[in-house]
């Protein structure tokens, strides 16, 4: 029996965050192509476990409650060890994942052929990050595509990226029925218009496209309906909704993460900053626009998404939006991406 035909058991370790989990899911299709009979397990934080339901290629999801911390991890380790995994992929590389790997794949087993599981780790490339952000010397492949970076370590077991990182986006009947009901109740004045999802929020303010620009984009696109996606704390989205309430619906805090993912699959296109919703758009193969400012690791992989950016010597200055802007014009890298430019590109990708 060839390696590809053998039924191997794989454990993927990625606890958080939302966007990183979605990007890591890009390994599923290539892994199944190489090993069609692979049994794939994934351990993640319980509050993100629902996101993994987007794919039917995960055979079992193990949940770690973040409130339990290391205690919860210790409770899980014996059950995980009993599974006798052939491949363990640490796609997180933090203290918890390292503790788990030390237990499941002892250091001595990694250097003895035929002993224990094949161990793979996606490193943090900390030295490269220091060179990039502190010294402005880039040793990463550029633009840096997170989905490809999650796939690269799997070359060790013969898994290569062939350009197909998409997932089918399977959502259960309960979610689909809820969205059917939601769409039927949307108070759009004209339902015949294409519907565009906007994801204006981000965990850190410095990587948010200005609120006034989102408003202007809506006014520049009278031929589209818009749905605003966000969390319950994104109260500023109500201000954007007010600009054209007959064409803009604010769903912030009204849908779960998984429901928002299912909603994106139904959209004509998505406009997003460097957020988890951008990566959902990417992996589901939906058309979109990525507005990328100060960050380094939010570039989409799909050629169905257009990246809008401004070349500045100070870019990128942060991995996730934390820090201070050094430009005299605050957020110059985002401010110079005009709504007119985005509106024109949106029209291009839809038509």
Protein backbone atom coordinates (compact mmCIF):
# COMPACT_ATOMS: atom_id res chain seq x y z
CA UNK A 1 0.00 0.00 0.00
CA UNK A 2 1.43 3.40 -1.00
CA UNK A 3 1.79 6.24 1.50
CA UNK A 4 -1.01 8.10 -0.27
CA UNK A 5 -3.37 5.11 0.05
CA UNK A 6 -2.57 4.45 3.70
CA UNK A 7 -5.10 5.72 6.21
CA UNK A 8 -3.03 8.07 8.34
CA UNK A 9 -4.28 9.92 11.38
CA UNK A 10 -3.39 13.62 11.58
CA UNK A 11 -3.69 16.06 14.49
CA UNK A 12 -3.72 19.79 13.73
CA UNK A 13 -3.11 22.13 16.67
CA UNK A 14 -4.39 25.69 16.25
CA UNK A 15 -6.23 27.20 19.20
CA UNK A 16 -6.90 30.75 17.96
CA UNK A 17 -7.50 33.36 16.64
CA UNK A 18 -10.46 33.46 14.25
CA UNK A 19 -8.49 34.70 11.24
CA UNK A 20 -5.54 32.36 11.84
CA UNK A 21 -7.81 29.33 12.18
CA UNK A 22 -9.50 30.17 8.89
CA UNK A 23 -6.12 30.61 7.17
CA UNK A 24 -4.90 27.34 8.64
CA UNK A 25 -7.94 25.57 7.15
CA UNK A 26 -6.28 26.11 3.77
CA UNK A 27 -4.24 22.97 4.46
CA UNK A 28 -7.28 20.68 4.41
CA UNK A 29 -7.85 20.27 0.68
CA UNK A 30 -4.14 19.83 -0.23
CA UNK A 31 -3.74 17.36 2.65
CA UNK A 32 -6.72 15.33 1.45
CA UNK A 33 -5.41 15.42 -2.13
CA UNK A 34 -2.13 13.88 -1.02
CA UNK A 35 -3.68 11.51 1.51
CA UNK A 36 -7.31 10.85 0.45
CA UNK A 37 -7.85 8.41 3.34
CA UNK A 38 -6.39 10.65 6.04
CA UNK A 39 -8.36 10.95 9.26
CA UNK A 40 -8.01 14.56 10.36
CA UNK A 41 -8.41 15.75 13.95
CA UNK A 42 -8.14 19.38 15.08
CA UNK A 43 -7.76 20.80 18.58
CA UNK A 44 -8.87 24.40 19.07
CA UNK A 45 -10.40 26.71 21.62
CA UNK A 46 -14.05 25.96 22.29
CA UNK A 47 -15.15 29.49 21.33
CA UNK A 48 -13.72 28.99 17.81
CA UNK A 49 -14.73 25.35 17.31
CA UNK A 50 -17.85 26.32 15.36
CA UNK A 51 -15.75 27.89 12.61
CA UNK A 52 -14.29 24.48 11.75
CA UNK A 53 -17.78 23.28 10.80
CA UNK A 54 -17.29 25.12 7.50
CA UNK A 55 -15.36 22.09 6.29
CA UNK A 56 -16.49 18.47 6.09
CA UNK A 57 -12.86 17.31 5.85
CA UNK A 58 -12.30 17.43 9.61
CA UNK A 59 -13.26 14.11 11.18
CA UNK A 60 -13.11 15.19 14.80
CA UNK A 61 -12.78 18.52 16.62
CA UNK A 62 -11.28 18.61 20.10
CA UNK A 63 -12.25 21.64 22.19
CA UNK A 64 -10.20 23.41 24.84
CA UNK A 65 -12.05 25.84 27.09
CA UNK A 66 -9.81 28.91 27.43
CA UNK A 67 -11.00 29.36 31.03
CA UNK A 68 -9.47 26.00 31.96
CA UNK A 69 -6.06 26.82 30.48
CA UNK A 70 -3.36 24.24 31.17
CA UNK A 71 -5.67 22.23 33.43
CA UNK A 72 -7.99 21.62 30.51
CA UNK A 73 -5.05 20.71 28.32
CA UNK A 74 -3.87 18.13 30.83
CA UNK A 75 -7.35 16.59 30.85
CA UNK A 76 -7.28 16.25 27.08
CA UNK A 77 -3.75 14.94 26.64
CA UNK A 78 -4.44 11.34 27.68
CA UNK A 79 -7.39 11.07 25.30
CA UNK A 80 -5.31 12.57 22.51
CA UNK A 81 -2.41 10.23 23.17
CA UNK A 82 -4.74 7.25 22.92
CA UNK A 83 -5.53 8.24 19.34
CA UNK A 84 -1.96 7.34 18.29
CA UNK A 85 -1.57 10.04 15.62
CA UNK A 86 0.75 9.42 12.67
CA UNK A 87 1.27 13.14 12.04
CA UNK A 88 1.15 15.99 14.57
CA UNK A 89 1.17 19.50 13.13
CA UNK A 90 1.74 22.29 15.64
CA UNK A 91 0.35 25.22 13.65
CA UNK A 92 0.28 27.49 16.70
CA UNK A 93 3.70 27.26 18.37
CA UNK A 94 2.77 28.71 21.75
CA UNK A 95 3.29 27.40 25.29
CA UNK A 96 0.14 25.27 25.28
CA UNK A 97 0.82 23.68 21.91
CA UNK A 98 4.45 22.99 22.85
CA UNK A 99 3.42 21.29 26.11
CA UNK A 100 0.96 19.16 24.20
CA UNK A 101 3.54 18.22 21.57
CA UNK A 102 6.18 17.37 24.16
CA UNK A 103 3.70 14.88 25.58
CA UNK A 104 2.34 13.46 22.32
CA UNK A 105 5.62 13.46 20.37
CA UNK A 106 8.57 13.16 22.80
CA UNK A 107 11.76 14.77 21.57
CA UNK A 108 13.57 11.44 21.16
CA UNK A 109 10.85 10.06 18.89
CA UNK A 110 11.34 12.88 16.38
CA UNK A 111 14.83 11.73 15.43
CA UNK A 112 14.35 7.98 15.28
CA UNK A 113 12.88 6.65 12.05
CA UNK A 114 9.70 4.68 12.64
CA UNK A 115 9.36 5.79 16.25
CA UNK A 116 6.22 7.70 17.15
CA UNK A 117 4.47 10.37 15.15
CA UNK A 118 5.90 12.58 12.43
CA UNK A 119 6.16 15.97 14.10
CA UNK A 120 5.79 19.25 12.19
CA UNK A 121 5.86 22.79 13.57
CA UNK A 122 5.09 26.15 11.96
CA UNK A 123 7.57 28.51 13.55
CA UNK A 124 7.02 32.15 14.44
CA UNK A 125 10.01 33.44 12.41
CA UNK A 126 10.73 35.89 15.21
CA UNK A 127 14.10 36.99 13.85
CA UNK A 128 12.56 37.75 10.46
CA UNK A 129 9.82 39.75 12.21
CA UNK A 130 12.35 41.81 14.13
CA UNK A 131 14.26 42.51 10.93
CA UNK A 132 11.04 43.52 9.15
CA UNK A 133 9.43 45.74 11.77
CA UNK A 134 12.51 47.20 13.48
CA UNK A 135 15.10 47.36 10.70
CA UNK A 136 12.82 47.39 7.63
CA UNK A 137 14.71 44.42 6.14
CA UNK A 138 12.30 41.92 4.63
CA UNK A 139 13.27 38.25 4.43
CA UNK A 140 9.72 36.95 3.99
CA UNK A 141 8.21 36.04 0.64
CA UNK A 142 6.26 39.13 -0.38
CA UNK A 143 3.40 39.71 -0.36
CA UNK A 144 3.22 37.42 2.65
CA UNK A 145 0.29 35.04 2.22
CA UNK A 146 -0.75 33.49 5.50
CA UNK A 147 -2.55 30.55 3.95
CA UNK A 148 0.54 29.51 2.02
CA UNK A 149 2.65 29.89 5.18
CA UNK A 150 0.45 27.35 6.97
CA UNK A 151 0.90 24.93 4.07
CA UNK A 152 4.67 25.28 3.68
CA UNK A 153 5.68 23.14 6.71
CA UNK A 154 3.65 20.21 5.31
CA UNK A 155 6.17 19.78 2.49
CA UNK A 156 7.85 17.51 5.03
CA UNK A 157 5.14 14.91 4.32
CA UNK A 158 4.85 15.66 0.63
CA UNK A 159 1.92 18.09 0.74
CA UNK A 160 2.42 20.89 -1.79
CA UNK A 161 0.37 24.00 -2.55
CA UNK A 162 -1.08 23.84 -6.07
CA UNK A 163 -3.19 27.00 -5.90
CA UNK A 164 -6.29 25.25 -4.57
CA UNK A 165 -6.78 26.21 -0.94
CA UNK A 166 -10.57 26.60 -1.02
CA UNK A 167 -13.13 24.81 1.11
CA UNK A 168 -16.69 24.02 0.10
CA UNK A 169 -18.25 25.95 2.96
CA UNK A 170 -20.78 23.42 4.18
CA UNK A 171 -23.33 24.86 6.59
CA UNK A 172 -26.03 22.85 8.32
CA UNK A 173 -29.72 23.23 7.58
CA UNK A 174 -30.41 25.22 10.76
CA UNK A 175 -27.98 27.97 9.71
CA UNK A 176 -29.20 28.02 6.10
CA UNK A 177 -32.84 28.27 7.25
CA UNK A 178 -31.97 31.10 9.66
CA UNK A 179 -30.26 32.99 6.83
CA UNK A 180 -33.19 32.36 4.49
CA UNK A 181 -35.48 33.89 7.09
CA UNK A 182 -33.04 36.75 7.68
CA UNK A 183 -32.78 37.61 3.99
CA UNK A 184 -36.54 37.47 3.59
CA UNK A 185 -36.90 40.06 6.37
CA UNK A 186 -34.22 42.50 5.19
CA UNK A 187 -35.87 45.90 4.61
CA UNK A 188 -34.01 46.68 1.39
CA UNK A 189 -36.01 49.03 -0.79
CA UNK A 190 -34.89 47.09 -3.89
CA UNK A 191 -33.86 43.44 -3.49
CA UNK A 192 -32.76 43.10 -7.11
CA UNK A 193 -29.46 44.92 -6.49
CA UNK A 194 -26.19 43.00 -5.91
CA UNK A 195 -25.49 42.64 -2.19
CA UNK A 196 -22.04 43.50 -0.87
CA UNK A 197 -20.78 42.62 2.61
CA UNK A 198 -18.61 45.22 4.35
CA UNK A 199 -16.32 44.32 7.25
CA UNK A 200 -15.17 47.73 8.60
CA UNK A 201 -14.06 46.61 12.04
CA UNK A 202 -10.73 45.22 13.28
CA UNK A 203 -9.28 44.28 16.63
CA UNK A 204 -6.91 47.27 16.53
CA UNK A 205 -8.00 50.71 15.40
CA UNK A 206 -4.83 51.52 13.48
CA UNK A 207 -5.68 49.02 10.74
CA UNK A 208 -9.27 50.26 10.29
CA UNK A 209 -10.12 52.15 7.11
CA UNK A 210 -11.71 55.47 8.30
CA UNK A 211 -15.42 55.36 9.06
CA UNK A 212 -16.06 58.33 6.77
CA UNK A 213 -14.53 56.38 3.89
CA UNK A 214 -16.99 53.52 4.34
CA UNK A 215 -19.83 56.03 4.23
CA UNK A 216 -18.44 57.62 1.09
CA UNK A 217 -18.03 54.21 -0.57
CA UNK A 218 -21.72 53.46 -0.02
CA UNK A 219 -22.77 56.81 -1.49
CA UNK A 220 -20.52 56.19 -4.51
CA UNK A 221 -22.22 52.84 -5.16
CA UNK A 222 -25.98 53.51 -5.37
CA UNK A 223 -26.45 50.38 -7.48
CA UNK A 224 -25.58 48.00 -4.58
CA UNK A 225 -27.12 46.90 -1.31
CA UNK A 226 -24.77 46.54 1.65
CA UNK A 227 -24.63 44.35 4.75
CA UNK A 228 -22.36 45.40 7.62
CA UNK A 229 -20.65 42.62 9.55
CA UNK A 230 -19.16 43.01 13.01
CA UNK A 231 -19.36 42.07 16.64
CA UNK A 232 -21.63 43.36 19.41
CA UNK A 233 -19.06 46.00 20.45
CA UNK A 234 -18.84 47.54 16.96
CA UNK A 235 -21.36 50.25 17.74
CA UNK A 236 -19.81 52.64 15.21
CA UNK A 237 -21.37 50.56 12.41
CA UNK A 238 -24.76 52.12 13.17
CA UNK A 239 -23.27 55.43 12.02
CA UNK A 240 -22.40 53.86 8.66
CA UNK A 241 -25.87 52.32 8.33
CA UNK A 242 -27.51 55.73 8.72
CA UNK A 243 -25.91 57.03 5.53
CA UNK A 244 -28.35 55.01 3.39
CA UNK A 245 -30.74 52.98 5.56
CA UNK A 246 -32.77 51.80 2.56
CA UNK A 247 -29.66 50.04 1.14
CA UNK A 248 -27.54 49.32 4.23
CA UNK A 249 -28.31 46.77 6.94
CA UNK A 250 -26.22 46.53 10.10
CA UNK A 251 -25.92 42.94 11.36
CA UNK A 252 -23.20 43.63 13.95
CA UNK A 253 -23.70 41.29 16.89
CA UNK A 254 -26.77 39.69 15.29
CA UNK A 255 -25.03 36.67 13.76
CA UNK A 256 -22.55 34.16 15.15
CA UNK A 257 -19.12 33.72 13.57
CA UNK A 258 -20.31 30.66 11.68
CA UNK A 259 -23.50 32.41 10.54
CA UNK A 260 -21.42 35.36 9.30
CA UNK A 261 -19.27 32.92 7.32
CA UNK A 262 -22.38 31.37 5.76
CA UNK A 263 -23.64 34.85 4.93
CA UNK A 264 -20.39 35.73 3.15
CA UNK A 265 -20.83 32.72 0.90
CA UNK A 266 -24.09 34.27 -0.35
CA UNK A 267 -22.60 37.67 -1.14
CA UNK A 268 -21.86 39.10 -4.58
CA UNK A 269 -18.60 40.46 -3.13
CA UNK A 270 -16.97 41.48 0.15
CA UNK A 271 -14.94 44.58 1.06
CA UNK A 272 -12.82 44.10 4.16
CA UNK A 273 -9.76 45.30 5.98
CA UNK A 274 -7.20 42.89 7.42
CA UNK A 275 -9.70 40.87 9.46
CA UNK A 276 -10.94 37.32 9.85
CA UNK A 277 -13.82 38.01 7.47
CA UNK A 278 -11.31 38.74 4.72
CA UNK A 279 -9.82 35.27 5.17
CA UNK A 280 -13.29 33.70 5.15
CA UNK A 281 -13.95 35.45 1.84
CA UNK A 282 -10.62 34.14 0.57
CA UNK A 283 -11.07 30.50 1.55
CA UNK A 284 -14.68 30.34 0.31
CA UNK A 285 -13.64 31.66 -3.09
CA UNK A 286 -15.91 34.73 -2.95
CA UNK A 287 -14.93 37.87 -4.87
CA UNK A 288 -13.67 40.72 -2.76
CA UNK A 289 -11.43 43.68 -2.03
CA UNK A 290 -8.79 43.67 0.71
CA UNK A 291 -7.88 47.06 2.14
CA UNK A 292 -4.43 46.49 3.61
CA UNK A 293 -2.68 49.23 5.57
CA UNK A 294 0.01 48.96 8.28
CA UNK A 295 -0.07 45.19 8.80
CA UNK A 296 2.20 42.54 7.31
CA UNK A 297 0.40 39.23 7.34
CA UNK A 298 -3.14 39.91 6.08
CA UNK A 299 -2.67 39.54 2.33
CA UNK A 300 -5.23 37.27 0.63
CA UNK A 301 -4.21 34.24 -1.43
CA UNK A 302 -7.10 33.93 -3.88
CA UNK A 303 -6.87 35.75 -7.21
CA UNK A 304 -10.57 36.50 -6.76
CA UNK A 305 -9.65 39.16 -4.21
CA UNK A 306 -8.03 42.45 -5.20
CA UNK A 307 -5.61 44.03 -2.71
CA UNK A 308 -5.72 47.82 -2.29
CA UNK A 309 -2.60 49.30 -0.70
CA UNK A 310 -0.26 52.29 -0.74
CA UNK A 311 3.52 51.89 -0.99
CA UNK A 312 5.26 53.67 1.90
CA UNK A 313 8.74 53.21 3.35
CA UNK A 314 7.25 52.67 6.81
CA UNK A 315 5.05 49.78 5.69
CA UNK A 316 4.53 47.32 7.20
CA UNK A 317 4.95 48.65 10.71
CA UNK A 318 2.97 46.08 12.72
CA UNK A 319 1.90 42.46 12.56
CA UNK A 320 -1.64 43.03 13.82
CA UNK A 321 -2.38 46.76 14.16
CA UNK A 322 -0.80 47.46 17.52
CA UNK A 323 1.66 50.33 17.82
CA UNK A 324 1.90 53.97 16.74
CA UNK A 325 1.78 55.59 13.33
CA UNK A 326 5.00 57.49 12.53
CA UNK A 327 3.52 59.47 9.64
CA UNK A 328 2.52 63.11 10.01
CA UNK A 329 -0.83 62.09 8.49
CA UNK A 330 -2.23 59.47 10.83
CA UNK A 331 -2.91 56.20 8.99
CA UNK A 332 -1.48 57.59 5.77
CA UNK A 333 -1.27 54.06 4.35
CA UNK A 334 -5.06 53.79 4.69
CA UNK A 335 -6.09 57.41 4.22
CA UNK A 336 -4.53 57.42 0.75
CA UNK A 337 -6.72 54.50 -0.36
CA UNK A 338 -9.63 56.66 -1.46
CA UNK A 339 -13.27 55.52 -1.51
CA UNK A 340 -13.33 56.48 -5.20
CA UNK A 341 -10.53 54.04 -5.92
CA UNK A 342 -12.26 51.24 -4.01
CA UNK A 343 -15.63 51.96 -5.66
CA UNK A 344 -14.04 51.75 -9.11
CA UNK A 345 -12.36 48.45 -8.28
CA UNK A 346 -15.60 47.07 -6.82
CA UNK A 347 -17.42 47.86 -10.05
CA UNK A 348 -14.66 46.11 -12.02
CA UNK A 349 -14.72 42.88 -10.07
CA UNK A 350 -18.53 42.64 -10.09
CA UNK A 351 -18.95 43.40 -13.77
